[in-house]
Amino acid sequence: MSSPQPAQAFPVTMWSKVLRTREEPVAQAALEQLCAIYWAPVVG
């Protein structure tokens, strides 16, 4: 039986990127960056 894989560490929240999701025209890019950073630790 194999050992369970360790969970990935959850990165520190990047509040500046979170706030940028409300600002046009950078909102889409900021949201894409947040999804890329946090997807693996959340879904994982």
C-alpha atoms as a PDB file:
ATOM      1  CA  MET A   1       0.000   0.000   0.000  1.00  0.00           C
ATOM      2  CA  SER A   2       1.403   3.418  -0.924  1.00  0.00           C
ATOM      3  CA  SER A   3       1.576   6.362   1.451  1.00  0.00           C
ATOM      4  CA  PRO A   4      -0.875   9.209   0.890  1.00  0.00           C
ATOM      5  CA  GLN A   5       0.536  12.183  -0.948  1.00  0.00           C
ATOM      6  CA  PRO A   6       1.141  15.254   1.235  1.00  0.00           C
ATOM      7  CA  ALA A   7      -1.249  18.123   0.610  1.00  0.00           C
ATOM      8  CA  GLN A   8       0.108  21.125  -1.216  1.00  0.00           C
ATOM      9  CA  ALA A   9       0.665  24.140   0.974  1.00  0.00           C
ATOM     10  CA  PHE A  10      -1.945  26.816   0.510  1.00  0.00           C
ATOM     11  CA  PRO A  11      -0.252  30.009  -0.730  1.00  0.00           C
ATOM     12  CA  VAL A  12      -0.524  33.236   1.219  1.00  0.00           C
ATOM     13  CA  THR A  13      -3.531  35.285   0.115  1.00  0.00           C
ATOM     14  CA  MET A  14      -2.548  37.988  -2.339  1.00  0.00           C
ATOM     15  CA  TRP A  15      -5.023  40.669  -1.327  1.00  0.00           C
ATOM     16  CA  SER A  16      -3.742  43.127  -3.921  1.00  0.00           C
ATOM     17  CA  LYS A  17      -4.766  40.642  -6.647  1.00  0.00           C
ATOM     18  CA  VAL A  18      -8.119  40.028  -4.974  1.00  0.00           C
ATOM     19  CA  LEU A  19      -8.830  43.774  -4.962  1.00  0.00           C
ATOM     20  CA  ARG A  20      -7.764  44.074  -8.605  1.00  0.00           C
ATOM     21  CA  THR A  21     -10.567  41.706  -9.632  1.00  0.00           C
ATOM     22  CA  ARG A  22     -12.876  44.691  -9.148  1.00  0.00           C
ATOM     23  CA  GLU A  23     -10.913  47.056 -11.412  1.00  0.00           C
ATOM     24  CA  GLU A  24     -11.386  47.232 -15.158  1.00  0.00           C
ATOM     25  CA  PRO A  25      -9.499  46.525 -17.415  1.00  0.00           C
ATOM     26  CA  VAL A  26      -7.216  44.377 -15.209  1.00  0.00           C
ATOM     27  CA  ALA A  27     -10.041  42.449 -13.520  1.00  0.00           C
ATOM     28  CA  GLN A  28     -10.019  39.484 -15.908  1.00  0.00           C
ATOM     29  CA  ALA A  29      -6.240  39.071 -15.747  1.00  0.00           C
ATOM     30  CA  ALA A  30      -6.232  39.311 -11.936  1.00  0.00           C
ATOM     31  CA  LEU A  31      -8.972  36.688 -11.659  1.00  0.00           C
ATOM     32  CA  GLU A  32      -7.099  34.352 -14.014  1.00  0.00           C
ATOM     33  CA  GLN A  33      -3.939  34.747 -11.912  1.00  0.00           C
ATOM     34  CA  LEU A  34      -5.815  33.990  -8.682  1.00  0.00           C
ATOM     35  CA  CYS A  35      -7.395  30.890 -10.195  1.00  0.00           C
ATOM     36  CA  ALA A  36      -4.001  29.656 -11.402  1.00  0.00           C
ATOM     37  CA  ILE A  37      -2.425  30.201  -7.979  1.00  0.00           C
ATOM     38  CA  TYR A  38      -5.168  28.724  -5.793  1.00  0.00           C
ATOM     39  CA  TRP A  39      -6.719  26.010  -7.995  1.00  0.00           C
ATOM     40  CA  ALA A  40      -4.382  23.130  -7.068  1.00  0.00           C
ATOM     41  CA  PRO A  41      -4.451  23.626  -3.262  1.00  0.00           C
ATOM     42  CA  VAL A  42      -8.248  23.932  -3.242  1.00  0.00           C
ATOM     43  CA  VAL A  43      -9.061  21.101  -5.656  1.00  0.00           C
ATOM     44  CA  GLY A  44      -6.120  19.104  -4.897  1.00  0.00           C
END
